[in-house]
């Protein structure tokens, strides 16, 4: 005979409820972050926009549209051409990777790097803990997982950046969703 206590224990085990409040197995857990919070690293060359009904790329779904007024993957300061954000994470979150869902207007302009870095104490440096230089050239729409990493949020603020490379200033890169594994 199955008791309520046995059934309850089996359900909790099957759900694998962890400290972040996510339900599912470790392999299937995604903590979705607000991709509309991404900011251009150099707003003089990289611009972002969003329309409530369409991105202008693909079937009409909204997304964060990234454009560039210059070619290549370097900004006007000589650094990486990026969109970036600080992540607002629960204290006991462990990040194992990044999921980027995107669409390109042309495969010649694309995301060329997914990077996670963690601010150190004192906050004068950030240690790069994920540096995935895989070119994301599939026109999509598609979701792609980064290379694996292991980052604990309690060790410091985590910064996420997507490096972009433009071969045509008319091209658009649209971020449809952004998640942490």
C-alpha atoms as a PDB file:
ATOM      1  CA  UNK A   1       0.000   0.000   0.000  1.00  0.00           C
ATOM      2  CA  UNK A   2       1.343   3.435  -0.968  1.00  0.00           C
ATOM      3  CA  UNK A   3       1.084   6.048   1.758  1.00  0.00           C
ATOM      4  CA  UNK A   4       0.686   9.773   1.209  1.00  0.00           C
ATOM      5  CA  UNK A   5       4.160  10.277   2.717  1.00  0.00           C
ATOM      6  CA  UNK A   6       5.734   7.823   0.227  1.00  0.00           C
ATOM      7  CA  UNK A   7       3.894   9.404  -2.699  1.00  0.00           C
ATOM      8  CA  UNK A   8       4.927  12.915  -1.624  1.00  0.00           C
ATOM      9  CA  UNK A   9       8.593  11.848  -1.321  1.00  0.00           C
ATOM     10  CA  UNK A  10       8.471  10.270  -4.794  1.00  0.00           C
ATOM     11  CA  UNK A  11       6.985  13.399  -6.345  1.00  0.00           C
ATOM     12  CA  UNK A  12       9.638  15.641  -4.746  1.00  0.00           C
ATOM     13  CA  UNK A  13      12.396  13.352  -5.975  1.00  0.00           C
ATOM     14  CA  UNK A  14      10.961  13.276  -9.503  1.00  0.00           C
ATOM     15  CA  UNK A  15      10.658  17.058  -9.682  1.00  0.00           C
ATOM     16  CA  UNK A  16      14.173  17.691  -8.328  1.00  0.00           C
ATOM     17  CA  UNK A  17      13.202  21.051  -6.864  1.00  0.00           C
ATOM     18  CA  UNK A  18      16.440  22.977  -6.289  1.00  0.00           C
ATOM     19  CA  UNK A  19      17.458  26.084  -4.330  1.00  0.00           C
ATOM     20  CA  UNK A  20      16.625  28.471  -7.205  1.00  0.00           C
ATOM     21  CA  UNK A  21      12.999  27.346  -7.243  1.00  0.00           C
ATOM     22  CA  UNK A  22      13.319  25.811 -10.706  1.00  0.00           C
ATOM     23  CA  UNK A  23      11.553  22.530 -11.311  1.00  0.00           C
ATOM     24  CA  UNK A  24      12.963  19.768 -13.504  1.00  0.00           C
ATOM     25  CA  UNK A  25      16.149  17.835 -13.947  1.00  0.00           C
ATOM     26  CA  UNK A  26      19.484  19.630 -13.912  1.00  0.00           C
ATOM     27  CA  UNK A  27      19.775  19.069 -17.668  1.00  0.00           C
ATOM     28  CA  UNK A  28      16.419  20.718 -18.441  1.00  0.00           C
ATOM     29  CA  UNK A  29      16.519  23.712 -16.101  1.00  0.00           C
ATOM     30  CA  UNK A  30      16.604  27.120 -17.744  1.00  0.00           C
ATOM     31  CA  UNK A  31      16.396  30.388 -15.829  1.00  0.00           C
ATOM     32  CA  UNK A  32      15.108  32.829 -18.431  1.00  0.00           C
ATOM     33  CA  UNK A  33      16.448  36.372 -18.125  1.00  0.00           C
ATOM     34  CA  UNK A  34      15.048  39.563 -19.633  1.00  0.00           C
ATOM     35  CA  UNK A  35      16.863  39.885 -22.974  1.00  0.00           C
ATOM     36  CA  UNK A  36      15.403  43.381 -23.355  1.00  0.00           C
ATOM     37  CA  UNK A  37      17.805  44.405 -20.528  1.00  0.00           C
ATOM     38  CA  UNK A  38      20.828  43.969 -22.827  1.00  0.00           C
ATOM     39  CA  UNK A  39      22.656  47.256 -23.388  1.00  0.00           C
ATOM     40  CA  UNK A  40      25.095  48.205 -26.159  1.00  0.00           C
ATOM     41  CA  UNK A  41      28.714  48.296 -25.007  1.00  0.00           C
ATOM     42  CA  UNK A  42      29.364  51.240 -27.341  1.00  0.00           C
ATOM     43  CA  UNK A  43      26.082  53.007 -28.151  1.00  0.00           C
ATOM     44  CA  UNK A  44      27.849  55.201 -30.717  1.00  0.00           C
ATOM     45  CA  UNK A  45      28.115  52.174 -33.072  1.00  0.00           C
ATOM     46  CA  UNK A  46      25.747  49.510 -31.688  1.00  0.00           C
ATOM     47  CA  UNK A  47      22.054  50.281 -31.365  1.00  0.00           C
ATOM     48  CA  UNK A  48      19.227  48.240 -29.912  1.00  0.00           C
ATOM     49  CA  UNK A  49      15.499  48.560 -30.459  1.00  0.00           C
ATOM     50  CA  UNK A  50      12.291  46.654 -29.924  1.00  0.00           C
ATOM     51  CA  UNK A  51       8.877  46.923 -31.529  1.00  0.00           C
ATOM     52  CA  UNK A  52       5.926  45.468 -29.640  1.00  0.00           C
ATOM     53  CA  UNK A  53       4.675  43.450 -32.606  1.00  0.00           C
ATOM     54  CA  UNK A  54       7.608  42.618 -34.893  1.00  0.00           C
ATOM     55  CA  UNK A  55      11.395  42.695 -35.096  1.00  0.00           C
ATOM     56  CA  UNK A  56      11.355  43.098 -38.866  1.00  0.00           C
ATOM     57  CA  UNK A  57      13.097  39.720 -39.210  1.00  0.00           C
ATOM     58  CA  UNK A  58      11.286  36.452 -39.835  1.00  0.00           C
ATOM     59  CA  UNK A  59       7.650  35.798 -39.045  1.00  0.00           C
ATOM     60  CA  UNK A  60       6.864  38.910 -37.052  1.00  0.00           C
ATOM     61  CA  UNK A  61       7.725  37.918 -33.488  1.00  0.00           C
ATOM     62  CA  UNK A  62       9.104  40.700 -31.313  1.00  0.00           C
ATOM     63  CA  UNK A  63      12.680  40.608 -30.025  1.00  0.00           C
ATOM     64  CA  UNK A  64      15.634  42.790 -29.184  1.00  0.00           C
ATOM     65  CA  UNK A  65      17.022  44.061 -32.498  1.00  0.00           C
ATOM     66  CA  UNK A  66      20.768  44.716 -32.629  1.00  0.00           C
ATOM     67  CA  UNK A  67      22.224  46.869 -35.403  1.00  0.00           C
ATOM     68  CA  UNK A  68      25.627  48.365 -36.060  1.00  0.00           C
ATOM     69  CA  UNK A  69      26.685  51.509 -37.903  1.00  0.00           C
ATOM     70  CA  UNK A  70      30.169  50.051 -38.528  1.00  0.00           C
ATOM     71  CA  UNK A  71      31.499  46.794 -39.928  1.00  0.00           C
ATOM     72  CA  UNK A  72      33.355  44.108 -37.979  1.00  0.00           C
ATOM     73  CA  UNK A  73      33.433  43.100 -34.322  1.00  0.00           C
ATOM     74  CA  UNK A  74      35.407  46.026 -32.843  1.00  0.00           C
ATOM     75  CA  UNK A  75      33.807  49.118 -31.314  1.00  0.00           C
ATOM     76  CA  UNK A  76      34.956  52.738 -31.599  1.00  0.00           C
ATOM     77  CA  UNK A  77      37.192  52.291 -28.527  1.00  0.00           C
ATOM     78  CA  UNK A  78      39.029  49.307 -30.071  1.00  0.00           C
ATOM     79  CA  UNK A  79      37.234  46.837 -27.789  1.00  0.00           C
ATOM     80  CA  UNK A  80      34.747  44.089 -28.533  1.00  0.00           C
ATOM     81  CA  UNK A  81      31.466  45.130 -30.158  1.00  0.00           C
ATOM     82  CA  UNK A  82      28.958  43.760 -27.611  1.00  0.00           C
ATOM     83  CA  UNK A  83      25.565  43.917 -26.021  1.00  0.00           C
ATOM     84  CA  UNK A  84      25.799  43.219 -22.309  1.00  0.00           C
ATOM     85  CA  UNK A  85      23.974  43.026 -19.005  1.00  0.00           C
ATOM     86  CA  UNK A  86      24.479  42.324 -15.328  1.00  0.00           C
ATOM     87  CA  UNK A  87      22.472  39.293 -14.231  1.00  0.00           C
ATOM     88  CA  UNK A  88      20.029  39.545 -11.330  1.00  0.00           C
ATOM     89  CA  UNK A  89      20.346  36.068  -9.814  1.00  0.00           C
ATOM     90  CA  UNK A  90      19.126  34.283  -6.706  1.00  0.00           C
ATOM     91  CA  UNK A  91      21.996  33.863  -4.223  1.00  0.00           C
ATOM     92  CA  UNK A  92      22.437  30.110  -4.597  1.00  0.00           C
ATOM     93  CA  UNK A  93      22.275  29.886  -8.387  1.00  0.00           C
ATOM     94  CA  UNK A  94      24.836  27.757 -10.205  1.00  0.00           C
ATOM     95  CA  UNK A  95      25.231  28.608 -13.886  1.00  0.00           C
ATOM     96  CA  UNK A  96      26.235  25.745 -16.158  1.00  0.00           C
ATOM     97  CA  UNK A  97      25.853  27.545 -19.488  1.00  0.00           C
ATOM     98  CA  UNK A  98      23.904  30.102 -21.518  1.00  0.00           C
ATOM     99  CA  UNK A  99      21.034  29.535 -23.970  1.00  0.00           C
ATOM    100  CA  UNK A 100      20.703  32.149 -26.726  1.00  0.00           C
ATOM    101  CA  UNK A 101      17.597  32.132 -28.929  1.00  0.00           C
ATOM    102  CA  UNK A 102      18.108  34.353 -31.941  1.00  0.00           C
ATOM    103  CA  UNK A 103      17.376  35.061 -35.600  1.00  0.00           C
ATOM    104  CA  UNK A 104      19.552  36.769 -38.221  1.00  0.00           C
ATOM    105  CA  UNK A 105      18.490  38.846 -41.202  1.00  0.00           C
ATOM    106  CA  UNK A 106      21.630  37.497 -42.936  1.00  0.00           C
ATOM    107  CA  UNK A 107      24.133  34.832 -41.904  1.00  0.00           C
ATOM    108  CA  UNK A 108      26.968  37.250 -42.737  1.00  0.00           C
ATOM    109  CA  UNK A 109      26.281  39.232 -39.519  1.00  0.00           C
ATOM    110  CA  UNK A 110      26.169  37.110 -36.378  1.00  0.00           C
ATOM    111  CA  UNK A 111      26.927  36.532 -32.697  1.00  0.00           C
ATOM    112  CA  UNK A 112      30.582  35.593 -32.443  1.00  0.00           C
ATOM    113  CA  UNK A 113      31.040  35.104 -28.695  1.00  0.00           C
ATOM    114  CA  UNK A 114      29.091  34.327 -25.527  1.00  0.00           C
ATOM    115  CA  UNK A 115      30.917  35.493 -22.408  1.00  0.00           C
ATOM    116  CA  UNK A 116      30.207  35.318 -18.679  1.00  0.00           C
ATOM    117  CA  UNK A 117      32.484  37.070 -16.222  1.00  0.00           C
ATOM    118  CA  UNK A 118      32.303  37.442 -12.464  1.00  0.00           C
ATOM    119  CA  UNK A 119      33.157  40.656 -10.624  1.00  0.00           C
ATOM    120  CA  UNK A 120      35.885  40.118  -8.033  1.00  0.00           C
ATOM    121  CA  UNK A 121      36.308  41.597  -4.551  1.00  0.00           C
ATOM    122  CA  UNK A 122      37.474  44.348  -4.577  1.00  0.00           C
ATOM    123  CA  UNK A 123      35.437  45.188  -7.694  1.00  0.00           C
ATOM    124  CA  UNK A 124      38.380  46.291  -9.841  1.00  0.00           C
ATOM    125  CA  UNK A 125      38.410  43.225 -12.103  1.00  0.00           C
ATOM    126  CA  UNK A 126      36.064  40.601 -13.532  1.00  0.00           C
ATOM    127  CA  UNK A 127      37.234  37.039 -14.069  1.00  0.00           C
ATOM    128  CA  UNK A 128      36.117  35.518 -17.404  1.00  0.00           C
ATOM    129  CA  UNK A 129      34.539  32.132 -16.567  1.00  0.00           C
ATOM    130  CA  UNK A 130      32.863  31.386 -19.920  1.00  0.00           C
ATOM    131  CA  UNK A 131      34.378  32.469 -23.211  1.00  0.00           C
ATOM    132  CA  UNK A 132      32.578  30.607 -26.012  1.00  0.00           C
ATOM    133  CA  UNK A 133      33.844  31.874 -29.361  1.00  0.00           C
ATOM    134  CA  UNK A 134      31.540  29.743 -31.495  1.00  0.00           C
ATOM    135  CA  UNK A 135      30.164  31.773 -34.420  1.00  0.00           C
ATOM    136  CA  UNK A 136      26.351  31.612 -34.357  1.00  0.00           C
ATOM    137  CA  UNK A 137      25.665  31.937 -38.099  1.00  0.00           C
ATOM    138  CA  UNK A 138      22.478  29.864 -38.451  1.00  0.00           C
ATOM    139  CA  UNK A 139      19.854  32.343 -39.756  1.00  0.00           C
ATOM    140  CA  UNK A 140      17.291  30.713 -37.452  1.00  0.00           C
ATOM    141  CA  UNK A 141      15.137  31.157 -35.601  1.00  0.00           C
ATOM    142  CA  UNK A 142      17.151  28.854 -33.364  1.00  0.00           C
ATOM    143  CA  UNK A 143      18.208  28.351 -29.738  1.00  0.00           C
ATOM    144  CA  UNK A 144      21.826  27.444 -29.029  1.00  0.00           C
ATOM    145  CA  UNK A 145      23.509  26.407 -25.785  1.00  0.00           C
ATOM    146  CA  UNK A 146      27.002  27.661 -24.981  1.00  0.00           C
ATOM    147  CA  UNK A 147      29.927  25.530 -23.949  1.00  0.00           C
ATOM    148  CA  UNK A 148      29.605  24.342 -20.341  1.00  0.00           C
ATOM    149  CA  UNK A 149      30.845  26.334 -17.370  1.00  0.00           C
ATOM    150  CA  UNK A 150      30.390  26.347 -13.603  1.00  0.00           C
ATOM    151  CA  UNK A 151      29.699  29.701 -11.949  1.00  0.00           C
ATOM    152  CA  UNK A 152      28.281  30.207  -8.455  1.00  0.00           C
ATOM    153  CA  UNK A 153      26.329  33.446  -8.035  1.00  0.00           C
ATOM    154  CA  UNK A 154      27.272  33.805  -4.369  1.00  0.00           C
ATOM    155  CA  UNK A 155      30.898  34.435  -5.473  1.00  0.00           C
ATOM    156  CA  UNK A 156      30.048  37.812  -7.054  1.00  0.00           C
ATOM    157  CA  UNK A 157      28.000  39.675  -9.622  1.00  0.00           C
ATOM    158  CA  UNK A 158      27.850  37.939 -13.016  1.00  0.00           C
ATOM    159  CA  UNK A 159      28.097  39.873 -16.281  1.00  0.00           C
ATOM    160  CA  UNK A 160      26.842  38.449 -19.594  1.00  0.00           C
ATOM    161  CA  UNK A 161      27.970  39.760 -22.971  1.00  0.00           C
ATOM    162  CA  UNK A 162      27.285  38.756 -26.551  1.00  0.00           C
ATOM    163  CA  UNK A 163      29.931  39.855 -29.036  1.00  0.00           C
ATOM    164  CA  UNK A 164      28.547  40.670 -32.468  1.00  0.00           C
ATOM    165  CA  UNK A 165      30.160  40.865 -35.904  1.00  0.00           C
ATOM    166  CA  UNK A 166      28.558  42.809 -38.756  1.00  0.00           C
ATOM    167  CA  UNK A 167      29.485  42.411 -42.440  1.00  0.00           C
ATOM    168  CA  UNK A 168      26.661  44.731 -43.603  1.00  0.00           C
ATOM    169  CA  UNK A 169      25.249  47.729 -41.725  1.00  0.00           C
ATOM    170  CA  UNK A 170      21.760  46.884 -43.037  1.00  0.00           C
ATOM    171  CA  UNK A 171      21.780  43.520 -41.206  1.00  0.00           C
ATOM    172  CA  UNK A 172      19.934  42.821 -37.962  1.00  0.00           C
ATOM    173  CA  UNK A 173      20.572  40.329 -35.173  1.00  0.00           C
ATOM    174  CA  UNK A 174      17.431  39.618 -33.150  1.00  0.00           C
ATOM    175  CA  UNK A 175      17.596  38.143 -29.655  1.00  0.00           C
ATOM    176  CA  UNK A 176      14.308  36.255 -29.076  1.00  0.00           C
ATOM    177  CA  UNK A 177      15.125  34.824 -25.632  1.00  0.00           C
ATOM    178  CA  UNK A 178      18.085  34.450 -23.283  1.00  0.00           C
ATOM    179  CA  UNK A 179      18.469  31.877 -20.543  1.00  0.00           C
ATOM    180  CA  UNK A 180      20.915  30.446 -18.065  1.00  0.00           C
ATOM    181  CA  UNK A 181      21.386  26.689 -17.756  1.00  0.00           C
END
